[in-house]
Amino acid sequence: MTAIAGVISSAINIDENATEYVVYVAVPGMQRGDFSITIGQGVLTITAVKSKDSLHCFGALQKEEKSIQWTETIELPGDADTVMTAANYRNGELQIHIPKGEKEENNESTEVFVY
């Protein structure tokens, strides 16, 4: 992860096979709990937030919490079956698996748990 001025850098690749779409996001240095993934109305939204504590000493110790955030939105194809979407984070890579199926008529946004 490259953090510059409160920004998280990442690389995103999207792959497709006969049964699913797979979104690969390279974001090393994160934990699976740092991600929030929502999907709905044909849009996948990935947010990563990383908090860092730092101590400064100017005659006294002072605790300061800084956070960096990154958000990406991806428009999904019409045959993405978002109900069965699954995500996992391992070795610095977030993978989001979106099965192919029938167009979803549900306009509600749902959160995807990251394993």
PDB file of N, CA and C in Angstrom:
ATOM      1  N   MET A   1       0.850  -1.176   0.000  1.00  0.00           N
ATOM      2  CA  MET A   1       0.000   0.000   0.000  1.00  0.00           C
ATOM      3  C   MET A   1       0.884   1.222   0.000  1.00  0.00           C
ATOM      4  N   THR A   2       0.585   2.150  -0.860  1.00  0.00           N
ATOM      5  CA  THR A   2       1.289   3.408  -0.877  1.00  0.00           C
ATOM      6  C   THR A   2       0.341   4.461  -0.323  1.00  0.00           C
ATOM      7  N   ALA A   3       0.706   5.047   0.792  1.00  0.00           N
ATOM      8  CA  ALA A   3      -0.137   6.062   1.404  1.00  0.00           C
ATOM      9  C   ALA A   3       0.557   7.403   1.267  1.00  0.00           C
ATOM     10  N   ILE A   4      -0.020   8.287   0.494  1.00  0.00           N
ATOM     11  CA  ILE A   4       0.535   9.615   0.298  1.00  0.00           C
ATOM     12  C   ILE A   4      -0.575  10.624   0.525  1.00  0.00           C
ATOM     13  N   ALA A   5      -0.353  11.504   1.482  1.00  0.00           N
ATOM     14  CA  ALA A   5      -1.320  12.570   1.770  1.00  0.00           C
ATOM     15  C   ALA A   5      -2.727  12.034   1.977  1.00  0.00           C
ATOM     16  N   GLY A   6      -2.837  10.938   2.705  1.00  0.00           N
ATOM     17  CA  GLY A   6      -4.148  10.417   3.052  1.00  0.00           C
ATOM     18  C   GLY A   6      -4.850   9.650   1.947  1.00  0.00           C
ATOM     19  N   VAL A   7      -4.106   9.134   0.997  1.00  0.00           N
ATOM     20  CA  VAL A   7      -4.709   8.402  -0.119  1.00  0.00           C
ATOM     21  C   VAL A   7      -4.154   6.984  -0.144  1.00  0.00           C
ATOM     22  N   ILE A   8      -4.994   6.011  -0.446  1.00  0.00           N
ATOM     23  CA  ILE A   8      -4.564   4.628  -0.603  1.00  0.00           C
ATOM     24  C   ILE A   8      -4.465   4.352  -2.097  1.00  0.00           C
ATOM     25  N   SER A   9      -3.306   3.861  -2.539  1.00  0.00           N
ATOM     26  CA  SER A   9      -3.144   3.501  -3.945  1.00  0.00           C
ATOM     27  C   SER A   9      -3.477   2.030  -4.131  1.00  0.00           C
ATOM     28  N   SER A  10      -4.063   1.721  -5.250  1.00  0.00           N
ATOM     29  CA  SER A  10      -4.406   0.339  -5.533  1.00  0.00           C
ATOM     30  C   SER A  10      -4.406   0.116  -7.034  1.00  0.00           C
ATOM     31  N   ALA A  11      -4.356  -1.154  -7.377  1.00  0.00           N
ATOM     32  CA  ALA A  11      -4.481  -1.556  -8.773  1.00  0.00           C
ATOM     33  C   ALA A  11      -5.700  -2.457  -8.871  1.00  0.00           C
ATOM     34  N   ILE A  12      -6.530  -2.223  -9.872  1.00  0.00           N
ATOM     35  CA  ILE A  12      -7.761  -2.995 -10.037  1.00  0.00           C
ATOM     36  C   ILE A  12      -7.737  -3.697 -11.394  1.00  0.00           C
ATOM     37  N   ASN A  13      -8.057  -4.989 -11.364  1.00  0.00           N
ATOM     38  CA  ASN A  13      -8.223  -5.771 -12.585  1.00  0.00           C
ATOM     39  C   ASN A  13      -9.561  -6.480 -12.499  1.00  0.00           C
ATOM     40  N   ILE A  14     -10.232  -6.586 -13.628  1.00  0.00           N
ATOM     41  CA  ILE A  14     -11.513  -7.287 -13.679  1.00  0.00           C
ATOM     42  C   ILE A  14     -11.379  -8.408 -14.703  1.00  0.00           C
ATOM     43  N   ASP A  15     -11.727  -9.610 -14.261  1.00  0.00           N
ATOM     44  CA  ASP A  15     -11.633 -10.786 -15.120  1.00  0.00           C
ATOM     45  C   ASP A  15     -13.026 -11.392 -15.266  1.00  0.00           C
ATOM     46  N   GLU A  16     -13.205 -12.164 -16.301  1.00  0.00           N
ATOM     47  CA  GLU A  16     -14.495 -12.794 -16.567  1.00  0.00           C
ATOM     48  C   GLU A  16     -14.248 -14.202 -17.068  1.00  0.00           C
ATOM     49  N   ASN A  17     -15.066 -15.134 -16.574  1.00  0.00           N
ATOM     50  CA  ASN A  17     -15.051 -16.478 -17.140  1.00  0.00           C
ATOM     51  C   ASN A  17     -16.497 -16.866 -17.425  1.00  0.00           C
ATOM     52  N   ALA A  18     -16.766 -18.115 -17.718  1.00  0.00           N
ATOM     53  CA  ALA A  18     -18.106 -18.540 -18.122  1.00  0.00           C
ATOM     54  C   ALA A  18     -19.146 -18.389 -17.021  1.00  0.00           C
ATOM     55  N   THR A  19     -18.725 -18.413 -15.750  1.00  0.00           N
ATOM     56  CA  THR A  19     -19.696 -18.421 -14.656  1.00  0.00           C
ATOM     57  C   THR A  19     -19.685 -17.191 -13.766  1.00  0.00           C
ATOM     58  N   GLU A  20     -18.639 -16.358 -13.855  1.00  0.00           N
ATOM     59  CA  GLU A  20     -18.562 -15.226 -12.926  1.00  0.00           C
ATOM     60  C   GLU A  20     -17.648 -14.118 -13.427  1.00  0.00           C
ATOM     61  N   TYR A  21     -17.797 -12.965 -12.765  1.00  0.00           N
ATOM     62  CA  TYR A  21     -16.868 -11.851 -12.896  1.00  0.00           C
ATOM     63  C   TYR A  21     -16.038 -11.839 -11.621  1.00  0.00           C
ATOM     64  N   VAL A  22     -14.749 -11.552 -11.753  1.00  0.00           N
ATOM     65  CA  VAL A  22     -13.888 -11.460 -10.569  1.00  0.00           C
ATOM     66  C   VAL A  22     -13.167 -10.126 -10.619  1.00  0.00           C
ATOM     67  N   VAL A  23     -13.315  -9.360  -9.531  1.00  0.00           N
ATOM     68  CA  VAL A  23     -12.641  -8.077  -9.390  1.00  0.00           C
ATOM     69  C   VAL A  23     -11.459  -8.303  -8.460  1.00  0.00           C
ATOM     70  N   TYR A  24     -10.254  -7.999  -8.940  1.00  0.00           N
ATOM     71  CA  TYR A  24      -9.030  -8.125  -8.155  1.00  0.00           C
ATOM     72  C   TYR A  24      -8.556  -6.719  -7.792  1.00  0.00           C
ATOM     73  N   VAL A  25      -8.349  -6.480  -6.493  1.00  0.00           N
ATOM     74  CA  VAL A  25      -7.881  -5.179  -6.038  1.00  0.00           C
ATOM     75  C   VAL A  25      -6.623  -5.402  -5.204  1.00  0.00           C
ATOM     76  N   ALA A  26      -5.496  -4.860  -5.643  1.00  0.00           N
ATOM     77  CA  ALA A  26      -4.242  -4.988  -4.911  1.00  0.00           C
ATOM     78  C   ALA A  26      -4.141  -3.835  -3.917  1.00  0.00           C
ATOM     79  N   VAL A  27      -4.273  -4.152  -2.631  1.00  0.00           N
ATOM     80  CA  VAL A  27      -4.163  -3.152  -1.561  1.00  0.00           C
ATOM     81  C   VAL A  27      -3.422  -3.773  -0.368  1.00  0.00           C
ATOM     82  N   PRO A  28      -2.110  -3.925  -0.484  1.00  0.00           N
ATOM     83  CA  PRO A  28      -1.354  -4.534   0.606  1.00  0.00           C
ATOM     84  C   PRO A  28      -1.353  -3.667   1.859  1.00  0.00           C
ATOM     85  N   GLY A  29      -1.168  -4.321   2.996  1.00  0.00           N
ATOM     86  CA  GLY A  29      -1.072  -3.607   4.265  1.00  0.00           C
ATOM     87  C   GLY A  29      -2.401  -3.376   4.949  1.00  0.00           C
ATOM     88  N   MET A  30      -3.475  -3.864   4.388  1.00  0.00           N
ATOM     89  CA  MET A  30      -4.796  -3.671   4.963  1.00  0.00           C
ATOM     90  C   MET A  30      -5.205  -4.926   5.740  1.00  0.00           C
ATOM     91  N   GLN A  31      -6.288  -4.821   6.462  1.00  0.00           N
ATOM     92  CA  GLN A  31      -6.930  -5.947   7.128  1.00  0.00           C
ATOM     93  C   GLN A  31      -8.305  -6.093   6.496  1.00  0.00           C
ATOM     94  N   ARG A  32      -8.886  -7.282   6.586  1.00  0.00           N
ATOM     95  CA  ARG A  32     -10.192  -7.482   5.937  1.00  0.00           C
ATOM     96  C   ARG A  32     -11.264  -6.580   6.531  1.00  0.00           C
ATOM     97  N   GLY A  33     -11.129  -6.202   7.789  1.00  0.00           N
ATOM     98  CA  GLY A  33     -12.089  -5.304   8.416  1.00  0.00           C
ATOM     99  C   GLY A  33     -11.973  -3.856   7.963  1.00  0.00           C
ATOM    100  N   ASP A  34     -10.928  -3.528   7.211  1.00  0.00           N
ATOM    101  CA  ASP A  34     -10.745  -2.163   6.698  1.00  0.00           C
ATOM    102  C   ASP A  34     -11.619  -1.886   5.478  1.00  0.00           C
ATOM    103  N   PHE A  35     -12.255  -2.938   4.932  1.00  0.00           N
ATOM    104  CA  PHE A  35     -13.032  -2.792   3.700  1.00  0.00           C
ATOM    105  C   PHE A  35     -14.525  -2.731   3.972  1.00  0.00           C
ATOM    106  N   SER A  36     -15.209  -1.932   3.178  1.00  0.00           N
ATOM    107  CA  SER A  36     -16.663  -1.909   3.133  1.00  0.00           C
ATOM    108  C   SER A  36     -17.032  -2.064   1.660  1.00  0.00           C
ATOM    109  N   ILE A  37     -17.813  -3.094   1.377  1.00  0.00           N
ATOM    110  CA  ILE A  37     -18.207  -3.355  -0.012  1.00  0.00           C
ATOM    111  C   ILE A  37     -19.726  -3.376  -0.063  1.00  0.00           C
ATOM    112  N   THR A  38     -20.288  -2.526  -0.901  1.00  0.00           N
ATOM    113  CA  THR A  38     -21.735  -2.530  -1.113  1.00  0.00           C
ATOM    114  C   THR A  38     -21.997  -2.764  -2.593  1.00  0.00           C
ATOM    115  N   ILE A  39     -23.156  -3.362  -2.840  1.00  0.00           N
ATOM    116  CA  ILE A  39     -23.516  -3.671  -4.211  1.00  0.00           C
ATOM    117  C   ILE A  39     -25.024  -3.470  -4.355  1.00  0.00           C
ATOM    118  N   GLY A  40     -25.416  -2.774  -5.378  1.00  0.00           N
ATOM    119  CA  GLY A  40     -26.827  -2.521  -5.613  1.00  0.00           C
ATOM    120  C   GLY A  40     -27.029  -1.590  -6.785  1.00  0.00           C
ATOM    121  N   GLN A  41     -28.173  -1.684  -7.427  1.00  0.00           N
ATOM    122  CA  GLN A  41     -28.534  -0.867  -8.577  1.00  0.00           C
ATOM    123  C   GLN A  41     -27.470  -0.925  -9.662  1.00  0.00           C
ATOM    124  N   GLY A  42     -26.850  -2.113  -9.812  1.00  0.00           N
ATOM    125  CA  GLY A  42     -25.874  -2.307 -10.863  1.00  0.00           C
ATOM    126  C   GLY A  42     -24.512  -1.689 -10.611  1.00  0.00           C
ATOM    127  N   VAL A  43     -24.234  -1.305  -9.371  1.00  0.00           N
ATOM    128  CA  VAL A  43     -22.965  -0.659  -9.045  1.00  0.00           C
ATOM    129  C   VAL A  43     -22.308  -1.361  -7.860  1.00  0.00           C
ATOM    130  N   LEU A  44     -21.017  -1.636  -7.995  1.00  0.00           N
ATOM    131  CA  LEU A  44     -20.200  -2.188  -6.930  1.00  0.00           C
ATOM    132  C   LEU A  44     -19.379  -1.039  -6.354  1.00  0.00           C
ATOM    133  N   THR A  45     -19.457  -0.821  -5.037  1.00  0.00           N
ATOM    134  CA  THR A  45     -18.690   0.237  -4.386  1.00  0.00           C
ATOM    135  C   THR A  45     -17.765  -0.393  -3.355  1.00  0.00           C
ATOM    136  N   ILE A  46     -16.477  -0.131  -3.504  1.00  0.00           N
ATOM    137  CA  ILE A  46     -15.464  -0.655  -2.591  1.00  0.00           C
ATOM    138  C   ILE A  46     -14.841   0.532  -1.868  1.00  0.00           C
ATOM    139  N   THR A  47     -14.849   0.489  -0.536  1.00  0.00           N
ATOM    140  CA  THR A  47     -14.221   1.526   0.269  1.00  0.00           C
ATOM    141  C   THR A  47     -13.231   0.867   1.214  1.00  0.00           C
ATOM    142  N   ALA A  48     -12.065   1.472   1.335  1.00  0.00           N
ATOM    143  CA  ALA A  48     -11.062   1.008   2.291  1.00  0.00           C
ATOM    144  C   ALA A  48     -10.686   2.179   3.179  1.00  0.00           C
ATOM    145  N   VAL A  49     -10.678   1.948   4.483  1.00  0.00           N
ATOM    146  CA  VAL A  49     -10.292   2.983   5.446  1.00  0.00           C
ATOM    147  C   VAL A  49      -9.240   2.387   6.361  1.00  0.00           C
ATOM    148  N   LYS A  50      -8.122   3.062   6.501  1.00  0.00           N
ATOM    149  CA  LYS A  50      -7.037   2.607   7.366  1.00  0.00           C
ATOM    150  C   LYS A  50      -6.727   3.721   8.355  1.00  0.00           C
ATOM    151  N   SER A  51      -6.851   3.408   9.630  1.00  0.00           N
ATOM    152  CA  SER A  51      -6.531   4.380  10.678  1.00  0.00           C
ATOM    153  C   SER A  51      -5.123   4.126  11.169  1.00  0.00           C
ATOM    154  N   LYS A  52      -4.405   5.205  11.425  1.00  0.00           N
ATOM    155  CA  LYS A  52      -3.053   5.108  11.957  1.00  0.00           C
ATOM    156  C   LYS A  52      -2.938   6.061  13.128  1.00  0.00           C
ATOM    157  N   ASP A  53      -2.397   5.557  14.237  1.00  0.00           N
ATOM    158  CA  ASP A  53      -2.123   6.395  15.397  1.00  0.00           C
ATOM    159  C   ASP A  53      -0.683   6.872  15.311  1.00  0.00           C
ATOM    160  N   SER A  54      -0.458   8.110  15.686  1.00  0.00           N
ATOM    161  CA  SER A  54       0.904   8.624  15.736  1.00  0.00           C
ATOM    162  C   SER A  54       1.073   9.447  16.999  1.00  0.00           C
ATOM    163  N   LEU A  55       2.262   9.386  17.526  1.00  0.00           N
ATOM    164  CA  LEU A  55       2.581  10.156  18.727  1.00  0.00           C
ATOM    165  C   LEU A  55       3.544  11.266  18.347  1.00  0.00           C
ATOM    166  N   HIS A  56       3.246  12.465  18.819  1.00  0.00           N
ATOM    167  CA  HIS A  56       4.116  13.605  18.586  1.00  0.00           C
ATOM    168  C   HIS A  56       4.612  14.097  19.928  1.00  0.00           C
ATOM    169  N   CYS A  57       5.842  14.503  19.986  1.00  0.00           N
ATOM    170  CA  CYS A  57       6.407  14.972  21.252  1.00  0.00           C
ATOM    171  C   CYS A  57       6.885  16.408  21.089  1.00  0.00           C
ATOM    172  N   PHE A  58       6.125  17.317  21.633  1.00  0.00           N
ATOM    173  CA  PHE A  58       6.497  18.723  21.677  1.00  0.00           C
ATOM    174  C   PHE A  58       6.404  19.155  23.132  1.00  0.00           C
ATOM    175  N   GLY A  59       7.277  18.587  23.957  1.00  0.00           N
ATOM    176  CA  GLY A  59       7.229  18.867  25.384  1.00  0.00           C
ATOM    177  C   GLY A  59       6.293  17.913  26.108  1.00  0.00           C
ATOM    178  N   ALA A  60       5.355  17.308  25.389  1.00  0.00           N
ATOM    179  CA  ALA A  60       4.423  16.349  25.988  1.00  0.00           C
ATOM    180  C   ALA A  60       3.985  15.380  24.888  1.00  0.00           C
ATOM    181  N   LEU A  61       3.553  14.222  25.305  1.00  0.00           N
ATOM    182  CA  LEU A  61       3.046  13.251  24.330  1.00  0.00           C
ATOM    183  C   LEU A  61       1.612  13.580  23.991  1.00  0.00           C
ATOM    184  N   GLN A  62       1.305  13.486  22.753  1.00  0.00           N
ATOM    185  CA  GLN A  62      -0.049  13.754  22.300  1.00  0.00           C
ATOM    186  C   GLN A  62      -0.410  12.695  21.272  1.00  0.00           C
ATOM    187  N   LYS A  63      -1.540  12.051  21.478  1.00  0.00           N
ATOM    188  CA  LYS A  63      -1.967  11.014  20.548  1.00  0.00           C
ATOM    189  C   LYS A  63      -2.829  11.646  19.466  1.00  0.00           C
ATOM    190  N   GLU A  64      -2.492  11.333  18.235  1.00  0.00           N
ATOM    191  CA  GLU A  64      -3.237  11.858  17.094  1.00  0.00           C
ATOM    192  C   GLU A  64      -3.605  10.683  16.198  1.00  0.00           C
ATOM    193  N   GLU A  65      -4.855  10.611  15.801  1.00  0.00           N
ATOM    194  CA  GLU A  65      -5.290   9.537  14.915  1.00  0.00           C
ATOM    195  C   GLU A  65      -5.514  10.097  13.521  1.00  0.00           C
ATOM    196  N   LYS A  66      -4.871   9.474  12.565  1.00  0.00           N
ATOM    197  CA  LYS A  66      -5.042   9.857  11.166  1.00  0.00           C
ATOM    198  C   LYS A  66      -5.680   8.685  10.444  1.00  0.00           C
ATOM    199  N   SER A  67      -6.483   8.973   9.474  1.00  0.00           N
ATOM    200  CA  SER A  67      -7.042   7.891   8.675  1.00  0.00           C
ATOM    201  C   SER A  67      -6.893   8.245   7.207  1.00  0.00           C
ATOM    202  N   ILE A  68      -6.737   7.201   6.429  1.00  0.00           N
ATOM    203  CA  ILE A  68      -6.661   7.348   4.989  1.00  0.00           C
ATOM    204  C   ILE A  68      -7.795   6.540   4.390  1.00  0.00           C
ATOM    205  N   GLN A  69      -8.353   7.027   3.290  1.00  0.00           N
ATOM    206  CA  GLN A  69      -9.536   6.391   2.711  1.00  0.00           C
ATOM    207  C   GLN A  69      -9.430   6.352   1.201  1.00  0.00           C
ATOM    208  N   TRP A  70      -9.989   5.293   0.645  1.00  0.00           N
ATOM    209  CA  TRP A  70     -10.027   5.095  -0.803  1.00  0.00           C
ATOM    210  C   TRP A  70     -11.385   4.512  -1.163  1.00  0.00           C
ATOM    211  N   THR A  71     -11.991   5.002  -2.227  1.00  0.00           N
ATOM    212  CA  THR A  71     -13.279   4.482  -2.694  1.00  0.00           C
ATOM    213  C   THR A  71     -13.229   4.301  -4.203  1.00  0.00           C
ATOM    214  N   GLU A  72     -13.788   3.189  -4.648  1.00  0.00           N
ATOM    215  CA  GLU A  72     -13.866   2.906  -6.086  1.00  0.00           C
ATOM    216  C   GLU A  72     -15.273   2.413  -6.391  1.00  0.00           C
ATOM    217  N   THR A  73     -15.868   2.901  -7.462  1.00  0.00           N
ATOM    218  CA  THR A  73     -17.169   2.399  -7.901  1.00  0.00           C
ATOM    219  C   THR A  73     -17.012   1.793  -9.285  1.00  0.00           C
ATOM    220  N   ILE A  74     -17.679   0.659  -9.484  1.00  0.00           N
ATOM    221  CA  ILE A  74     -17.599  -0.063 -10.743  1.00  0.00           C
ATOM    222  C   ILE A  74     -19.012  -0.400 -11.190  1.00  0.00           C
ATOM    223  N   GLU A  75     -19.356   0.009 -12.399  1.00  0.00           N
ATOM    224  CA  GLU A  75     -20.660  -0.340 -12.952  1.00  0.00           C
ATOM    225  C   GLU A  75     -20.618  -1.788 -13.424  1.00  0.00           C
ATOM    226  N   LEU A  76     -21.613  -2.567 -13.018  1.00  0.00           N
ATOM    227  CA  LEU A  76     -21.635  -3.995 -13.322  1.00  0.00           C
ATOM    228  C   LEU A  76     -22.434  -4.285 -14.588  1.00  0.00           C
ATOM    229  N   PRO A  77     -22.068  -5.361 -15.298  1.00  0.00           N
ATOM    230  CA  PRO A  77     -22.840  -5.767 -16.476  1.00  0.00           C
ATOM    231  C   PRO A  77     -24.243  -6.219 -16.078  1.00  0.00           C
ATOM    232  N   GLY A  78     -25.156  -6.221 -17.006  1.00  0.00           N
ATOM    233  CA  GLY A  78     -26.545  -6.567 -16.733  1.00  0.00           C
ATOM    234  C   GLY A  78     -26.766  -7.984 -16.254  1.00  0.00           C
ATOM    235  N   ASP A  79     -25.856  -8.915 -16.556  1.00  0.00           N
ATOM    236  CA  ASP A  79     -26.057 -10.299 -16.137  1.00  0.00           C
ATOM    237  C   ASP A  79     -25.361 -10.639 -14.814  1.00  0.00           C
ATOM    238  N   ALA A  80     -24.907  -9.633 -14.076  1.00  0.00           N
ATOM    239  CA  ALA A  80     -24.271  -9.878 -12.780  1.00  0.00           C
ATOM    240  C   ALA A  80     -25.338 -10.226 -11.748  1.00  0.00           C
ATOM    241  N   ASP A  81     -25.213 -11.403 -11.146  1.00  0.00           N
ATOM    242  CA  ASP A  81     -26.137 -11.870 -10.105  1.00  0.00           C
ATOM    243  C   ASP A  81     -25.559 -11.466  -8.758  1.00  0.00           C
ATOM    244  N   THR A  82     -25.895 -10.290  -8.300  1.00  0.00           N
ATOM    245  CA  THR A  82     -25.238  -9.701  -7.130  1.00  0.00           C
ATOM    246  C   THR A  82     -25.635 -10.345  -5.808  1.00  0.00           C
ATOM    247  N   VAL A  83     -26.685 -11.135  -5.779  1.00  0.00           N
ATOM    248  CA  VAL A  83     -27.148 -11.745  -4.534  1.00  0.00           C
ATOM    249  C   VAL A  83     -26.098 -12.692  -3.954  1.00  0.00           C
ATOM    250  N   MET A  84     -25.396 -13.412  -4.778  1.00  0.00           N
ATOM    251  CA  MET A  84     -24.423 -14.406  -4.312  1.00  0.00           C
ATOM    252  C   MET A  84     -22.979 -13.902  -4.358  1.00  0.00           C
ATOM    253  N   THR A  85     -22.775 -12.603  -4.367  1.00  0.00           N
ATOM    254  CA  THR A  85     -21.431 -12.032  -4.402  1.00  0.00           C
ATOM    255  C   THR A  85     -20.661 -12.397  -3.136  1.00  0.00           C
ATOM    256  N   ALA A  86     -19.396 -12.771  -3.306  1.00  0.00           N
ATOM    257  CA  ALA A  86     -18.529 -13.125  -2.178  1.00  0.00           C
ATOM    258  C   ALA A  86     -17.197 -12.401  -2.336  1.00  0.00           C
ATOM    259  N   ALA A  87     -16.575 -12.062  -1.211  1.00  0.00           N
ATOM    260  CA  ALA A  87     -15.282 -11.369  -1.246  1.00  0.00           C
ATOM    261  C   ALA A  87     -14.337 -11.977  -0.220  1.00  0.00           C
ATOM    262  N   ASN A  88     -13.043 -11.974  -0.568  1.00  0.00           N
ATOM    263  CA  ASN A  88     -12.036 -12.389   0.399  1.00  0.00           C
ATOM    264  C   ASN A  88     -10.790 -11.530   0.217  1.00  0.00           C
ATOM    265  N   TYR A  89     -10.056 -11.377   1.324  1.00  0.00           N
ATOM    266  CA  TYR A  89      -8.823 -10.594   1.310  1.00  0.00           C
ATOM    267  C   TYR A  89      -7.710 -11.475   1.850  1.00  0.00           C
ATOM    268  N   ARG A  90      -6.677 -11.644   1.037  1.00  0.00           N
ATOM    269  CA  ARG A  90      -5.561 -12.488   1.447  1.00  0.00           C
ATOM    270  C   ARG A  90      -4.286 -11.995   0.771  1.00  0.00           C
ATOM    271  N   ASN A  91      -3.213 -11.920   1.533  1.00  0.00           N
ATOM    272  CA  ASN A  91      -1.888 -11.560   1.005  1.00  0.00           C
ATOM    273  C   ASN A  91      -1.901 -10.272   0.187  1.00  0.00           C
ATOM    274  N   GLY A  92      -2.627  -9.267   0.679  1.00  0.00           N
ATOM    275  CA  GLY A  92      -2.628  -7.964   0.024  1.00  0.00           C
ATOM    276  C   GLY A  92      -3.543  -7.825  -1.174  1.00  0.00           C
ATOM    277  N   GLU A  93      -4.364  -8.847  -1.442  1.00  0.00           N
ATOM    278  CA  GLU A  93      -5.260  -8.783  -2.588  1.00  0.00           C
ATOM    279  C   GLU A  93      -6.704  -9.048  -2.167  1.00  0.00           C
ATOM    280  N   LEU A  94      -7.579  -8.140  -2.536  1.00  0.00           N
ATOM    281  CA  LEU A  94      -9.012  -8.299  -2.331  1.00  0.00           C
ATOM    282  C   LEU A  94      -9.587  -8.900  -3.604  1.00  0.00           C
ATOM    283  N   GLN A  95     -10.344  -9.986  -3.462  1.00  0.00           N
ATOM    284  CA  GLN A  95     -11.008 -10.612  -4.609  1.00  0.00           C
ATOM    285  C   GLN A  95     -12.510 -10.582  -4.362  1.00  0.00           C
ATOM    286  N   ILE A  96     -13.245 -10.101  -5.350  1.00  0.00           N
ATOM    287  CA  ILE A  96     -14.703 -10.055  -5.267  1.00  0.00           C
ATOM    288  C   ILE A  96     -15.252 -10.904  -6.405  1.00  0.00           C
ATOM    289  N   HIS A  97     -15.975 -11.960  -6.048  1.00  0.00           N
ATOM    290  CA  HIS A  97     -16.537 -12.898  -7.021  1.00  0.00           C
ATOM    291  C   HIS A  97     -18.028 -12.606  -7.204  1.00  0.00           C
ATOM    292  N   ILE A  98     -18.411 -12.251  -8.424  1.00  0.00           N
ATOM    293  CA  ILE A  98     -19.805 -11.916  -8.736  1.00  0.00           C
ATOM    294  C   ILE A  98     -20.296 -12.912  -9.784  1.00  0.00           C
ATOM    295  N   PRO A  99     -21.197 -13.823  -9.401  1.00  0.00           N
ATOM    296  CA  PRO A  99     -21.681 -14.827 -10.355  1.00  0.00           C
ATOM    297  C   PRO A  99     -22.456 -14.186 -11.506  1.00  0.00           C
ATOM    298  N   LYS A 100     -22.449 -14.880 -12.638  1.00  0.00           N
ATOM    299  CA  LYS A 100     -23.285 -14.471 -13.764  1.00  0.00           C
ATOM    300  C   LYS A 100     -24.641 -15.131 -13.586  1.00  0.00           C
ATOM    301  N   GLY A 101     -25.664 -14.447 -13.996  1.00  0.00           N
ATOM    302  CA  GLY A 101     -27.008 -14.996 -13.884  1.00  0.00           C
ATOM    303  C   GLY A 101     -27.990 -14.071 -14.551  1.00  0.00           C
ATOM    304  N   GLU A 102     -29.171 -14.027 -14.000  1.00  0.00           N
ATOM    305  CA  GLU A 102     -30.222 -13.165 -14.529  1.00  0.00           C
ATOM    306  C   GLU A 102     -30.067 -11.760 -13.962  1.00  0.00           C
ATOM    307  N   LYS A 103     -30.539 -10.800 -14.711  1.00  0.00           N
ATOM    308  CA  LYS A 103     -30.495  -9.421 -14.237  1.00  0.00           C
ATOM    309  C   LYS A 103     -31.308  -9.311 -12.963  1.00  0.00           C
ATOM    310  N   GLU A 104     -30.729  -8.664 -11.984  1.00  0.00           N
ATOM    311  CA  GLU A 104     -31.381  -8.520 -10.686  1.00  0.00           C
ATOM    312  C   GLU A 104     -32.316  -7.315 -10.713  1.00  0.00           C
ATOM    313  N   GLU A 105     -33.519  -7.514 -10.257  1.00  0.00           N
ATOM    314  CA  GLU A 105     -34.501  -6.430 -10.219  1.00  0.00           C
ATOM    315  C   GLU A 105     -34.505  -5.711  -8.877  1.00  0.00           C
ATOM    316  N   ASN A 106     -33.807  -6.245  -7.899  1.00  0.00           N
ATOM    317  CA  ASN A 106     -33.748  -5.654  -6.571  1.00  0.00           C
ATOM    318  C   ASN A 106     -32.897  -4.384  -6.610  1.00  0.00           C
ATOM    319  N   ASN A 107     -33.449  -3.258  -6.193  1.00  0.00           N
ATOM    320  CA  ASN A 107     -32.710  -2.001  -6.191  1.00  0.00           C
ATOM    321  C   ASN A 107     -32.093  -1.679  -4.832  1.00  0.00           C
ATOM    322  N   GLU A 108     -32.271  -2.578  -3.867  1.00  0.00           N
ATOM    323  CA  GLU A 108     -31.702  -2.366  -2.535  1.00  0.00           C
ATOM    324  C   GLU A 108     -30.205  -2.594  -2.559  1.00  0.00           C
ATOM    325  N   SER A 109     -29.464  -1.764  -1.842  1.00  0.00           N
ATOM    326  CA  SER A 109     -28.026  -1.974  -1.696  1.00  0.00           C
ATOM    327  C   SER A 109     -27.799  -2.961  -0.564  1.00  0.00           C
ATOM    328  N   THR A 110     -26.859  -3.866  -0.775  1.00  0.00           N
ATOM    329  CA  THR A 110     -26.515  -4.833   0.258  1.00  0.00           C
ATOM    330  C   THR A 110     -25.013  -4.779   0.493  1.00  0.00           C
ATOM    331  N   GLU A 111     -24.617  -5.122   1.713  1.00  0.00           N
ATOM    332  CA  GLU A 111     -23.201  -5.130   2.053  1.00  0.00           C
ATOM    333  C   GLU A 111     -22.640  -6.534   1.845  1.00  0.00           C
ATOM    334  N   VAL A 112     -21.448  -6.599   1.286  1.00  0.00           N
ATOM    335  CA  VAL A 112     -20.774  -7.863   1.029  1.00  0.00           C
ATOM    336  C   VAL A 112     -19.739  -8.065   2.132  1.00  0.00           C
ATOM    337  N   PHE A 113     -19.811  -9.207   2.819  1.00  0.00           N
ATOM    338  CA  PHE A 113     -18.854  -9.524   3.874  1.00  0.00           C
ATOM    339  C   PHE A 113     -17.536  -9.970   3.251  1.00  0.00           C
ATOM    340  N   VAL A 114     -16.439  -9.508   3.831  1.00  0.00           N
ATOM    341  CA  VAL A 114     -15.116  -9.878   3.332  1.00  0.00           C
ATOM    342  C   VAL A 114     -14.571 -10.992   4.218  1.00  0.00           C
ATOM    343  N   TYR A 115     -14.301 -12.159   3.633  1.00  0.00           N
ATOM    344  CA  TYR A 115     -13.745 -13.297   4.363  1.00  0.00           C
ATOM    345  C   TYR A 115     -12.242 -13.225   4.402  1.00  0.00           C
TER     346      TYR A 115
END
